[in-house]
Amino acid sequence: MSTVPFRFVKRPLLRVNYWTIAVGAIALLIATPILCVLSSIFADSREIWQHLATTVLPGYITNSLLLMVGVGIGVFVIGTGTAWLVTMCSFWGSSVFEWALLLPLAAPAYLLAYVYTDFLDYFGPVQTGLRNLFGWESIQDYWFPDIRSLWGAIAMLVLVLYPYVYLLARVAFLEQCTCTIEASRSLGCSPWRSFFKVAIPLARPSIIAGLALALMETLNDFGTVQFFGITTFTTGIYRTWLGMGERVAAAQLAAILMLFILVLIVLERLSRSQARYYQTMSFNKPGQSYPLTGIRGVLAQFACGLPVVLGFLLPIGILCVMTLANTEQTLDPKFLTFGGNSLILAGVTAALGVAIALIMAYGQRLNQTLGMRLAVRTAAMGYAIPGSVIAVGVLIPIGQLDNAIDRFMRANFNISTGLLLSGTIAVLIFAYLVRFLAVSFNTVESSLGKIEPNLDDASRSLGYNATDTLFKVHAPLMGSGLLTAVMLVFVDVMKELPATLVIRPFNFDTLAVQVYQYASDERLIEASAPALAIILVGTIPVLFLSSRIARSRL
């Protein structure tokens, strides 16, 4: 019997074909705005930068850090606590709270800021009712917290961002072997001790990932902090770019904000790499939930119900009342125009995003090389970058390209093209793709990964090439995943404010921009209908995701 010596086969770093070229071109295009922002660090703008560093930069850093700390604590407590209650405990309404706790994810924080400011303001129903009830005549007769403050911004962000932690923590709790929890109980641990000593450490990677997502969204927020008068990096970038006309300084502020994001990503990776927690059982049998009755059941209902009421039911109820009570002001022709603009932008971006994500995911499936994986991860990193940073990164190279085209046409044809691309819908859609391509890619990649490689071989044996296999075999099997990706990108574009506010063409407003402008002018009644439309559209994928989560225990 002859033996064949083992040979180490070195995998190529890059296998060049048209799929590789397509994915590489996408990665280069998507990475260009981010590279432009990073390169601005080396630009010379000492005078304006010294002015910013001595006046407003310390405030930007302090407020951003305080926001991150406050939001981090809030989303951790609410997200992890409610996930444990609905997963490991049984009480009246727990099955409803399993999916209802995701509903605040449909409401952007800036919409809650506008609603609660009107609701809790001096002339709002809450303070007016208190004055009538206790006979107070002026603000000097009583104290009421000012929602237009740092703590108010933290509260608004916590109410809409805790579902990130809740979703990932609940999945982690569902995947934990119940034998581990039962073993801790048999050793004398109380339910609370088992929660802190066993469940939390096992779910730590998922909780940290949810916290990182929530903090990235906190740094991305513009509408809430601007409306409450909180100076952060996002408001500073907007003021420096549009207010002072200093593009280089705005890009340098954006670069510093990107460093904050990079630190969050690194900390999240280090947190998962420094500790390892494994399940000792190879199976997970369904365990019995801890029954909560009496006062404990009431407290559990209150703990799970309060975030849903404050983060979704109360705001949407107030907006419905405003919209229906003032239909002539709210449902005017402008509302249909802005809604149409939002639908066009969201629809085109969702279709392009899913198509590009499909190319990337399939190219990675065909070419499992280091170069391909690097290109894919580069193209999918935009979701971690705030919209204000992407807006700056998009406008700088587009402006340079416009100037280069104009100089060329002047020199050769004596024709001035002006700003050919800047301020167009195409550039705005490109910014959306940079920001949200990762959303569609992760969904498409997950769906494509569930298709067995044997189908590829069978398709090839029937004479189909790679492209035919994608469209005739894989795409029909990925229908649910592609639809999910379309919905997620569609809703994210509908809610996006910072990038839209900076890049949009003149006289081309979306629902998000119009809500921001109306609220800035203290015209919340006119803002109620577009705000309600944004929340209702955002509820569609949330309900879809909620139904899947609700069936996860079946």
Protein backbone atom coordinates (compact mmCIF):
# COMPACT_ATOMS: atom_id res chain seq x y z
CA MET A 1 0.00 0.00 0.00
CA SER A 2 1.58 3.26 -1.13
CA THR A 3 1.29 6.44 0.86
CA VAL A 4 0.97 9.89 -0.60
CA PRO A 5 3.04 12.51 1.23
CA PHE A 6 1.08 15.38 2.69
CA ARG A 7 1.50 18.65 0.87
CA PHE A 8 0.65 22.00 2.33
CA VAL A 9 -1.45 23.91 -0.21
CA LYS A 10 -1.09 27.64 0.18
CA ARG A 11 -4.33 29.45 -0.51
CA PRO A 12 -3.95 32.48 -2.73
CA LEU A 13 -4.35 35.91 -1.18
CA LEU A 14 -6.46 37.00 -4.13
CA ARG A 15 -8.07 35.13 -7.02
CA VAL A 16 -8.80 37.57 -9.82
CA ASN A 17 -12.03 37.22 -11.79
CA TYR A 18 -14.95 39.49 -12.55
CA TRP A 19 -16.56 38.81 -9.17
CA THR A 20 -13.36 39.85 -7.42
CA ILE A 21 -13.11 42.98 -9.55
CA ALA A 22 -16.75 43.88 -8.80
CA VAL A 23 -16.37 43.44 -5.03
CA GLY A 24 -13.05 45.30 -5.03
CA ALA A 25 -14.57 48.24 -6.92
CA ILE A 26 -17.49 48.37 -4.46
CA ALA A 27 -15.12 48.30 -1.48
CA LEU A 28 -12.99 51.09 -2.94
CA LEU A 29 -16.04 53.23 -3.70
CA ILE A 30 -17.58 52.74 -0.26
CA ALA A 31 -14.26 53.34 1.53
CA THR A 32 -13.48 56.59 -0.32
CA PRO A 33 -15.57 58.90 1.95
CA ILE A 34 -14.11 57.34 5.09
CA LEU A 35 -10.55 57.63 3.77
CA CYS A 36 -11.18 61.27 2.87
CA VAL A 37 -12.25 62.02 6.43
CA LEU A 38 -9.23 60.24 7.90
CA SER A 39 -6.83 62.00 5.51
CA SER A 40 -8.14 65.39 6.68
CA ILE A 41 -6.25 64.92 9.94
CA PHE A 42 -3.05 65.90 8.13
CA ALA A 43 -4.55 69.03 6.52
CA ASP A 44 -3.32 72.41 7.72
CA SER A 45 -6.09 74.34 9.48
CA ARG A 46 -4.25 75.47 12.59
CA GLU A 47 -6.02 78.78 13.11
CA ILE A 48 -9.58 77.51 13.00
CA TRP A 49 -8.58 74.33 14.82
CA GLN A 50 -6.97 76.28 17.65
CA HIS A 51 -10.15 78.32 17.93
CA LEU A 52 -12.27 75.16 18.14
CA ALA A 53 -9.87 73.49 20.58
CA THR A 54 -9.93 76.42 22.99
CA THR A 55 -13.67 77.15 22.81
CA VAL A 56 -16.03 74.33 21.90
CA LEU A 57 -14.00 71.11 21.55
CA PRO A 58 -13.84 70.39 25.32
CA GLY A 59 -17.63 70.71 25.45
CA TYR A 60 -18.03 68.36 22.49
CA ILE A 61 -15.87 65.72 24.17
CA THR A 62 -17.45 66.11 27.62
CA ASN A 63 -21.05 66.01 26.43
CA SER A 64 -20.39 63.09 24.08
CA LEU A 65 -18.77 61.09 26.89
CA LEU A 66 -21.56 61.90 29.35
CA LEU A 67 -24.15 60.86 26.77
CA MET A 68 -22.34 57.57 26.18
CA VAL A 69 -22.07 56.82 29.91
CA GLY A 70 -25.71 57.67 30.62
CA VAL A 71 -27.09 55.82 27.62
CA GLY A 72 -24.80 52.84 28.25
CA ILE A 73 -26.02 52.42 31.82
CA GLY A 74 -29.67 52.91 30.83
CA VAL A 75 -29.76 50.47 27.91
CA PHE A 76 -27.81 47.87 29.90
CA VAL A 77 -30.20 47.94 32.85
CA ILE A 78 -33.42 48.03 30.82
CA GLY A 79 -32.31 45.76 27.97
CA THR A 80 -30.71 43.05 30.10
CA GLY A 81 -33.30 43.16 32.87
CA THR A 82 -36.33 42.90 30.60
CA ALA A 83 -34.65 40.19 28.49
CA TRP A 84 -34.12 38.07 31.62
CA LEU A 85 -37.67 38.63 32.85
CA VAL A 86 -39.44 37.59 29.63
CA THR A 87 -37.04 34.68 28.97
CA MET A 88 -36.61 33.05 32.37
CA CYS A 89 -39.76 34.15 34.22
CA SER A 90 -43.46 33.67 33.65
CA PHE A 91 -46.00 36.32 34.63
CA TRP A 92 -49.20 37.70 33.18
CA GLY A 93 -48.44 39.31 29.82
CA SER A 94 -44.88 37.97 29.49
CA SER A 95 -45.62 36.45 26.06
CA VAL A 96 -46.82 39.85 24.81
CA PHE A 97 -43.82 41.69 26.21
CA GLU A 98 -41.49 39.29 24.36
CA TRP A 99 -42.24 41.10 21.09
CA ALA A 100 -43.67 44.39 22.39
CA LEU A 101 -40.34 45.36 23.96
CA LEU A 102 -38.92 45.69 20.44
CA LEU A 103 -41.47 48.29 19.32
CA PRO A 104 -39.52 51.40 20.50
CA LEU A 105 -36.90 50.47 17.91
CA ALA A 106 -39.26 51.87 15.27
CA ALA A 107 -39.22 55.39 16.73
CA PRO A 108 -36.16 57.63 16.16
CA ALA A 109 -34.95 59.42 19.27
CA TYR A 110 -35.46 62.86 17.76
CA LEU A 111 -39.18 62.17 17.30
CA LEU A 112 -39.52 61.29 20.98
CA ALA A 113 -37.63 64.46 21.85
CA TYR A 114 -40.12 66.61 19.93
CA VAL A 115 -43.16 64.81 21.35
CA TYR A 116 -42.07 64.82 24.99
CA THR A 117 -40.95 68.43 24.85
CA ASP A 118 -44.46 69.47 23.84
CA PHE A 119 -46.02 67.02 26.29
CA LEU A 120 -43.94 68.09 29.31
CA ASP A 121 -43.46 71.77 28.47
CA TYR A 122 -44.86 74.59 30.63
CA PHE A 123 -47.95 74.90 28.43
CA GLY A 124 -48.16 71.15 27.86
CA PRO A 125 -50.90 68.93 29.29
CA VAL A 126 -48.81 67.58 32.18
CA GLN A 127 -47.80 70.89 33.76
CA THR A 128 -51.12 72.50 32.90
CA GLY A 129 -52.92 69.65 34.68
CA LEU A 130 -50.65 69.95 37.72
CA ARG A 131 -51.29 73.68 38.00
CA ASN A 132 -55.05 73.18 37.75
CA LEU A 133 -54.94 70.34 40.27
CA PHE A 134 -52.88 72.07 42.96
CA GLY A 135 -53.81 75.67 42.26
CA TRP A 136 -50.34 76.78 41.21
CA GLU A 137 -50.24 80.01 39.25
CA SER A 138 -46.69 80.25 37.89
CA ILE A 139 -43.44 78.33 37.57
CA GLN A 140 -42.22 79.95 40.79
CA ASP A 141 -44.83 77.98 42.74
CA TYR A 142 -43.38 74.55 41.90
CA TRP A 143 -40.38 72.73 40.46
CA PHE A 144 -40.54 70.62 37.33
CA PRO A 145 -37.53 68.97 35.62
CA ASP A 146 -36.41 70.54 32.36
CA ILE A 147 -36.49 67.93 29.63
CA ARG A 148 -34.35 70.12 27.36
CA SER A 149 -31.19 69.07 29.13
CA LEU A 150 -28.52 66.41 29.05
CA TRP A 151 -30.54 64.01 31.17
CA GLY A 152 -33.52 64.52 28.86
CA ALA A 153 -31.41 63.60 25.82
CA ILE A 154 -30.12 60.53 27.66
CA ALA A 155 -33.68 59.46 28.51
CA MET A 156 -34.87 59.82 24.90
CA LEU A 157 -31.92 57.82 23.55
CA VAL A 158 -32.30 55.10 26.18
CA LEU A 159 -35.98 54.63 25.35
CA VAL A 160 -35.30 53.89 21.67
CA LEU A 161 -31.89 52.16 21.91
CA TYR A 162 -32.42 49.62 24.71
CA PRO A 163 -33.93 47.11 22.19
CA TYR A 164 -30.41 46.56 20.79
CA VAL A 165 -29.30 45.13 24.12
CA TYR A 166 -32.66 43.46 24.78
CA LEU A 167 -32.65 41.60 21.47
CA LEU A 168 -29.10 40.24 21.72
CA ALA A 169 -29.35 39.52 25.45
CA ARG A 170 -32.59 37.61 24.99
CA VAL A 171 -31.11 35.47 22.23
CA ALA A 172 -28.13 34.75 24.50
CA PHE A 173 -30.41 33.77 27.40
CA LEU A 174 -32.43 31.48 25.11
CA GLU A 175 -29.25 29.74 23.97
CA GLN A 176 -27.97 29.18 27.49
CA CYS A 177 -28.27 25.65 28.75
CA THR A 178 -30.91 25.60 31.45
CA CYS A 179 -28.98 22.82 33.20
CA THR A 180 -26.32 25.41 34.07
CA ILE A 181 -28.89 27.70 35.70
CA GLU A 182 -30.52 24.79 37.50
CA ALA A 183 -27.13 23.62 38.75
CA SER A 184 -26.47 27.03 40.26
CA ARG A 185 -29.88 26.90 41.95
CA SER A 186 -29.14 23.46 43.37
CA LEU A 187 -25.93 24.86 44.87
CA GLY A 188 -27.95 27.39 46.83
CA CYS A 189 -27.99 30.38 44.50
CA SER A 190 -31.10 32.50 44.52
CA PRO A 191 -32.63 33.53 41.17
CA TRP A 192 -30.97 36.94 41.44
CA ARG A 193 -27.59 35.40 42.31
CA SER A 194 -27.89 32.97 39.38
CA PHE A 195 -28.69 35.94 37.15
CA PHE A 196 -25.60 37.92 38.18
CA LYS A 197 -23.13 35.05 38.65
CA VAL A 198 -24.10 32.72 35.78
CA ALA A 199 -26.46 34.21 33.22
CA ILE A 200 -24.77 37.62 32.84
CA PRO A 201 -21.24 36.22 32.35
CA LEU A 202 -22.49 33.69 29.79
CA ALA A 203 -24.37 36.41 27.89
CA ARG A 204 -21.56 38.96 28.22
CA PRO A 205 -20.41 38.91 24.54
CA SER A 206 -23.94 39.52 23.27
CA ILE A 207 -24.62 42.25 25.82
CA ILE A 208 -21.38 44.05 24.95
CA ALA A 209 -22.23 43.84 21.25
CA GLY A 210 -25.65 45.38 21.92
CA LEU A 211 -24.07 48.11 24.03
CA ALA A 212 -21.61 48.92 21.26
CA LEU A 213 -24.45 49.27 18.73
CA ALA A 214 -26.41 51.52 21.09
CA LEU A 215 -23.40 53.75 21.77
CA MET A 216 -22.63 54.05 18.06
CA GLU A 217 -26.19 55.23 17.48
CA THR A 218 -25.77 57.67 20.40
CA LEU A 219 -22.75 59.25 18.73
CA ASN A 220 -24.66 59.34 15.43
CA ASP A 221 -27.66 61.20 16.88
CA PHE A 222 -28.16 64.76 15.69
CA GLY A 223 -31.83 65.68 15.97
CA THR A 224 -32.19 65.00 19.70
CA VAL A 225 -29.06 66.75 20.93
CA GLN A 226 -29.52 69.69 18.56
CA PHE A 227 -33.13 70.20 19.67
CA PHE A 228 -32.15 70.02 23.35
CA GLY A 229 -29.19 72.37 22.85
CA ILE A 230 -26.54 69.77 23.72
CA THR A 231 -23.27 70.41 21.88
CA THR A 232 -21.75 67.14 20.68
CA PHE A 233 -19.52 66.14 17.80
CA THR A 234 -22.47 65.73 15.42
CA THR A 235 -23.81 69.22 16.10
CA GLY A 236 -20.27 70.59 15.96
CA ILE A 237 -19.65 69.06 12.54
CA TYR A 238 -22.91 70.54 11.24
CA ARG A 239 -22.16 74.03 12.61
CA THR A 240 -18.56 74.04 11.44
CA TRP A 241 -19.50 72.90 7.93
CA LEU A 242 -22.63 74.96 7.27
CA GLY A 243 -22.35 77.72 9.85
CA MET A 244 -18.67 78.58 9.59
CA GLY A 245 -18.01 77.25 6.08
CA GLU A 246 -14.88 75.41 7.28
CA ARG A 247 -14.91 72.07 5.49
CA VAL A 248 -11.44 70.99 6.58
CA ALA A 249 -12.14 71.69 10.24
CA ALA A 250 -15.48 69.87 9.98
CA ALA A 251 -13.69 66.90 8.44
CA GLN A 252 -11.16 66.91 11.30
CA LEU A 253 -13.99 66.91 13.84
CA ALA A 254 -15.49 64.00 11.93
CA ALA A 255 -12.15 62.19 12.10
CA ILE A 256 -12.07 62.59 15.90
CA LEU A 257 -15.62 61.23 16.07
CA MET A 258 -14.47 58.25 14.00
CA LEU A 259 -11.75 57.64 16.58
CA PHE A 260 -14.47 57.40 19.25
CA ILE A 261 -16.22 54.78 17.12
CA LEU A 262 -12.95 52.91 16.57
CA VAL A 263 -12.36 52.80 20.32
CA LEU A 264 -15.84 51.32 20.82
CA ILE A 265 -15.19 48.64 18.20
CA VAL A 266 -11.80 47.76 19.70
CA LEU A 267 -13.22 47.60 23.23
CA GLU A 268 -16.03 45.36 22.03
CA ARG A 269 -13.54 43.01 20.35
CA LEU A 270 -11.21 43.00 23.36
CA SER A 271 -14.11 42.31 25.70
CA ARG A 272 -14.96 39.19 23.76
CA SER A 273 -11.36 38.04 23.42
CA GLN A 274 -10.23 38.51 27.01
CA ALA A 275 -12.78 36.11 28.49
CA ARG A 276 -14.19 32.81 27.36
CA TYR A 277 -17.44 31.31 28.63
CA TYR A 278 -18.53 27.92 27.34
CA GLN A 279 -21.54 25.73 27.81
CA THR A 280 -20.57 22.36 29.21
CA MET A 281 -23.65 20.62 27.79
CA SER A 282 -24.06 19.75 24.14
CA PHE A 283 -27.80 20.18 24.29
CA ASN A 284 -30.25 22.66 25.67
CA LYS A 285 -33.47 21.32 27.05
CA PRO A 286 -36.33 23.70 27.70
CA GLY A 287 -36.49 24.57 31.35
CA GLN A 288 -39.31 25.70 33.56
CA SER A 289 -39.80 29.44 33.91
CA TYR A 290 -39.76 31.01 37.35
CA PRO A 291 -43.38 31.91 38.16
CA LEU A 292 -43.83 35.48 39.37
CA THR A 293 -47.09 36.13 41.19
CA GLY A 294 -48.43 38.76 43.52
CA ILE A 295 -46.31 41.85 43.99
CA ARG A 296 -43.38 40.30 42.11
CA GLY A 297 -45.56 39.73 39.07
CA VAL A 298 -46.85 43.30 39.22
CA LEU A 299 -43.31 44.65 39.44
CA ALA A 300 -42.26 42.51 36.45
CA GLN A 301 -45.21 43.83 34.44
CA PHE A 302 -44.31 47.39 35.38
CA ALA A 303 -40.62 46.90 34.52
CA CYS A 304 -41.48 45.49 31.08
CA GLY A 305 -44.45 47.73 30.36
CA LEU A 306 -42.92 51.10 31.24
CA PRO A 307 -40.33 51.11 28.39
CA VAL A 308 -43.00 50.09 25.87
CA VAL A 309 -45.42 52.79 27.04
CA LEU A 310 -42.86 55.58 27.21
CA GLY A 311 -40.90 54.54 24.14
CA PHE A 312 -43.75 53.71 21.76
CA LEU A 313 -47.38 53.76 22.90
CA LEU A 314 -47.47 57.23 24.49
CA PRO A 315 -45.58 59.03 21.66
CA ILE A 316 -47.59 57.37 18.91
CA GLY A 317 -50.81 58.13 20.79
CA ILE A 318 -49.92 61.81 21.11
CA LEU A 319 -49.00 62.01 17.43
CA CYS A 320 -52.27 60.32 16.41
CA VAL A 321 -54.31 62.79 18.44
CA MET A 322 -52.41 65.75 16.97
CA THR A 323 -52.73 64.46 13.41
CA LEU A 324 -56.44 63.62 13.56
CA ALA A 325 -57.39 66.78 15.45
CA ASN A 326 -55.65 69.05 12.92
CA THR A 327 -56.05 67.28 9.59
CA GLU A 328 -56.10 70.51 7.57
CA GLN A 329 -52.67 71.47 8.92
CA THR A 330 -51.11 68.01 9.05
CA LEU A 331 -52.40 66.18 5.97
CA ASP A 332 -51.70 68.93 3.46
CA PRO A 333 -50.25 68.51 -0.08
CA LYS A 334 -46.73 69.08 1.29
CA PHE A 335 -47.05 65.94 3.38
CA LEU A 336 -47.71 63.86 0.25
CA THR A 337 -44.76 65.50 -1.53
CA PHE A 338 -42.34 64.85 1.32
CA GLY A 339 -43.69 61.34 1.74
CA GLY A 340 -43.14 60.66 -1.96
CA ASN A 341 -39.57 61.95 -1.75
CA SER A 342 -38.85 59.71 1.22
CA LEU A 343 -40.40 56.67 -0.48
CA ILE A 344 -38.37 57.23 -3.66
CA LEU A 345 -35.08 57.61 -1.79
CA ALA A 346 -35.78 54.65 0.51
CA GLY A 347 -36.99 52.40 -2.31
CA VAL A 348 -34.09 53.10 -4.67
CA THR A 349 -31.50 52.78 -1.89
CA ALA A 350 -33.03 49.53 -0.62
CA ALA A 351 -33.05 47.99 -4.11
CA LEU A 352 -29.47 49.06 -4.87
CA GLY A 353 -28.27 48.07 -1.41
CA VAL A 354 -29.64 44.55 -1.67
CA ALA A 355 -28.29 44.12 -5.22
CA ILE A 356 -24.81 45.25 -4.16
CA ALA A 357 -24.95 43.12 -1.02
CA LEU A 358 -25.88 40.09 -3.13
CA ILE A 359 -22.84 40.69 -5.36
CA MET A 360 -20.57 40.99 -2.34
CA ALA A 361 -21.94 37.94 -0.52
CA TYR A 362 -21.86 35.74 -3.62
CA GLY A 363 -18.38 36.94 -4.57
CA GLN A 364 -17.17 36.00 -1.10
CA ARG A 365 -18.85 32.60 -1.43
CA LEU A 366 -17.05 31.91 -4.70
CA ASN A 367 -13.64 33.27 -3.65
CA GLN A 368 -12.74 32.46 -0.04
CA THR A 369 -9.49 34.41 -0.14
CA LEU A 370 -7.97 36.89 2.26
CA GLY A 371 -8.21 39.71 -0.27
CA MET A 372 -11.90 39.04 -0.89
CA ARG A 373 -12.74 38.92 2.82
CA LEU A 374 -10.83 42.16 3.40
CA ALA A 375 -12.68 43.89 0.55
CA VAL A 376 -16.05 42.71 1.85
CA ARG A 377 -15.37 43.87 5.41
CA THR A 378 -14.16 47.22 4.12
CA ALA A 379 -17.36 47.74 2.15
CA ALA A 380 -19.49 46.74 5.14
CA MET A 381 -17.94 49.05 7.74
CA GLY A 382 -20.08 52.09 6.98
CA TYR A 383 -22.81 51.29 9.52
CA ALA A 384 -20.36 52.01 12.34
CA ILE A 385 -19.76 55.52 10.96
CA PRO A 386 -22.18 58.31 11.96
CA GLY A 387 -24.24 59.91 9.21
CA SER A 388 -22.68 63.32 9.77
CA VAL A 389 -19.20 61.86 9.19
CA ILE A 390 -20.32 60.12 6.01
CA ALA A 391 -21.91 63.35 4.77
CA VAL A 392 -18.61 65.18 5.17
CA GLY A 393 -16.69 62.30 3.60
CA VAL A 394 -19.02 62.17 0.60
CA LEU A 395 -19.19 65.90 -0.12
CA ILE A 396 -15.41 66.49 -0.07
CA PRO A 397 -14.45 64.09 -2.93
CA ILE A 398 -17.62 64.89 -4.87
CA GLY A 399 -16.81 68.61 -4.66
CA GLN A 400 -13.26 67.95 -5.80
CA LEU A 401 -14.55 65.87 -8.71
CA ASP A 402 -16.98 68.64 -9.70
CA ASN A 403 -14.17 71.20 -9.67
CA ALA A 404 -11.92 68.94 -11.75
CA ILE A 405 -14.66 68.41 -14.36
CA ASP A 406 -15.37 72.14 -14.46
CA ARG A 407 -11.69 73.02 -14.97
CA PHE A 408 -11.36 70.43 -17.73
CA MET A 409 -14.45 71.68 -19.57
CA ARG A 410 -13.34 75.30 -19.23
CA ALA A 411 -9.86 74.55 -20.52
CA ASN A 412 -10.93 72.43 -23.50
CA PHE A 413 -14.42 73.55 -24.46
CA ASN A 414 -14.83 76.92 -22.69
CA ILE A 415 -17.90 75.55 -20.92
CA SER A 416 -18.57 75.81 -17.17
CA THR A 417 -20.36 72.81 -15.71
CA GLY A 418 -20.47 74.18 -12.15
CA LEU A 419 -21.51 71.71 -9.44
CA LEU A 420 -22.49 68.82 -11.64
CA LEU A 421 -22.88 66.13 -8.95
CA SER A 422 -22.97 67.98 -5.63
CA GLY A 423 -26.45 68.54 -4.30
CA THR A 424 -28.06 65.79 -6.38
CA ILE A 425 -30.20 62.83 -5.40
CA ALA A 426 -27.53 60.46 -6.74
CA VAL A 427 -24.99 61.71 -4.20
CA LEU A 428 -27.54 61.41 -1.39
CA ILE A 429 -28.31 57.82 -2.36
CA PHE A 430 -24.58 57.09 -2.48
CA ALA A 431 -24.25 58.40 1.10
CA TYR A 432 -27.13 56.14 2.17
CA LEU A 433 -25.39 53.15 0.57
CA VAL A 434 -22.16 53.93 2.41
CA ARG A 435 -24.10 54.15 5.67
CA PHE A 436 -26.48 51.22 5.36
CA LEU A 437 -24.82 48.71 3.03
CA ALA A 438 -23.72 46.69 6.05
CA VAL A 439 -27.36 46.21 7.10
CA SER A 440 -28.32 44.57 3.82
CA PHE A 441 -25.03 42.67 3.50
CA ASN A 442 -25.27 41.01 6.92
CA THR A 443 -28.81 39.86 6.19
CA VAL A 444 -28.01 38.61 2.68
CA GLU A 445 -24.81 36.89 3.84
CA SER A 446 -26.70 35.07 6.59
CA SER A 447 -29.39 33.93 4.15
CA LEU A 448 -26.87 32.80 1.52
CA GLY A 449 -24.83 30.93 4.12
CA LYS A 450 -27.78 28.64 4.83
CA ILE A 451 -27.70 27.26 1.27
CA GLU A 452 -25.59 24.10 1.09
CA PRO A 453 -22.57 24.15 -1.26
CA ASN A 454 -23.85 20.94 -2.84
CA LEU A 455 -26.40 23.00 -4.75
CA ASP A 456 -23.59 24.96 -6.37
CA ASP A 457 -21.95 21.73 -7.54
CA ALA A 458 -25.24 20.36 -8.83
CA SER A 459 -25.91 23.55 -10.75
CA ARG A 460 -22.46 23.50 -12.32
CA SER A 461 -22.95 19.85 -13.35
CA LEU A 462 -26.08 20.93 -15.24
CA GLY A 463 -24.09 23.48 -17.24
CA TYR A 464 -24.93 26.67 -15.32
CA ASN A 465 -22.15 29.19 -14.74
CA ALA A 466 -21.75 31.20 -11.53
CA THR A 467 -24.09 34.00 -12.60
CA ASP A 468 -26.83 31.61 -13.73
CA THR A 469 -26.51 29.71 -10.46
CA LEU A 470 -27.00 32.90 -8.47
CA PHE A 471 -30.15 34.04 -10.27
CA LYS A 472 -31.76 30.66 -11.01
CA VAL A 473 -30.86 28.69 -7.90
CA HIS A 474 -29.79 30.86 -4.98
CA ALA A 475 -31.97 33.95 -5.40
CA PRO A 476 -35.30 32.01 -5.30
CA LEU A 477 -34.16 30.25 -2.12
CA MET A 478 -33.18 33.57 -0.52
CA GLY A 479 -36.52 35.30 -1.01
CA SER A 480 -37.21 35.78 2.71
CA GLY A 481 -33.70 37.05 3.43
CA LEU A 482 -33.73 39.47 0.51
CA LEU A 483 -37.13 40.83 1.58
CA THR A 484 -35.86 41.31 5.13
CA ALA A 485 -32.80 43.19 3.86
CA VAL A 486 -35.00 45.45 1.71
CA MET A 487 -37.23 46.28 4.68
CA LEU A 488 -34.36 47.05 7.03
CA VAL A 489 -32.57 49.37 4.61
CA PHE A 490 -35.87 51.01 3.61
CA VAL A 491 -36.72 51.90 7.21
CA ASP A 492 -33.20 53.08 8.06
CA VAL A 493 -33.26 55.49 5.10
CA MET A 494 -36.68 56.79 6.11
CA LYS A 495 -35.36 57.66 9.59
CA GLU A 496 -31.92 59.00 8.60
CA LEU A 497 -31.54 62.70 9.44
CA PRO A 498 -27.90 63.96 9.68
CA ALA A 499 -26.72 62.84 6.23
CA THR A 500 -29.99 63.89 4.60
CA LEU A 501 -29.89 67.31 6.21
CA VAL A 502 -26.40 68.06 4.86
CA ILE A 503 -26.45 66.41 1.40
CA ARG A 504 -30.05 66.76 0.18
CA PRO A 505 -30.70 68.87 -2.96
CA PHE A 506 -32.23 72.32 -2.55
CA ASN A 507 -36.04 72.28 -2.25
CA PHE A 508 -35.99 68.51 -1.83
CA ASP A 509 -37.10 67.60 1.68
CA THR A 510 -37.94 64.24 3.19
CA LEU A 511 -40.27 63.39 6.05
CA ALA A 512 -37.34 63.29 8.50
CA VAL A 513 -36.04 66.70 7.39
CA GLN A 514 -39.50 68.21 7.48
CA VAL A 515 -40.12 66.93 10.99
CA TYR A 516 -36.80 68.45 12.06
CA GLN A 517 -37.59 71.82 10.47
CA TYR A 518 -41.12 71.99 11.86
CA ALA A 519 -39.95 71.01 15.34
CA SER A 520 -37.12 73.56 15.21
CA ASP A 521 -39.76 76.21 14.51
CA GLU A 522 -41.90 74.93 17.42
CA ARG A 523 -44.61 73.78 14.96
CA LEU A 524 -45.15 70.30 16.34
CA ILE A 525 -48.71 70.04 15.02
CA GLU A 526 -47.46 70.30 11.44
CA ALA A 527 -44.70 67.80 12.28
CA SER A 528 -47.09 65.21 13.73
CA ALA A 529 -48.21 63.59 10.46
CA PRO A 530 -44.71 63.03 8.97
CA ALA A 531 -43.45 61.89 12.38
CA LEU A 532 -46.31 59.41 12.66
CA ALA A 533 -45.61 58.14 9.14
CA ILE A 534 -41.94 57.50 9.98
CA ILE A 535 -42.86 55.52 13.10
CA LEU A 536 -45.54 53.47 11.35
CA VAL A 537 -43.20 52.57 8.49
CA GLY A 538 -40.53 51.64 11.01
CA THR A 539 -42.96 49.39 12.83
CA ILE A 540 -43.29 47.00 9.85
CA PRO A 541 -39.85 45.32 10.09
CA VAL A 542 -39.97 45.50 13.88
CA LEU A 543 -43.22 43.52 13.94
CA PHE A 544 -41.74 41.08 11.42
CA LEU A 545 -38.67 40.61 13.61
CA SER A 546 -40.85 40.39 16.71
CA SER A 547 -42.91 37.55 15.24
CA ARG A 548 -39.75 35.60 14.54
CA ILE A 549 -38.48 36.21 18.07
CA ALA A 550 -41.85 35.17 19.53
CA ARG A 551 -41.60 31.83 17.67
CA SER A 552 -38.02 31.24 18.78
CA ARG A 553 -39.10 29.17 21.79
CA LEU A 554 -41.42 26.91 19.82
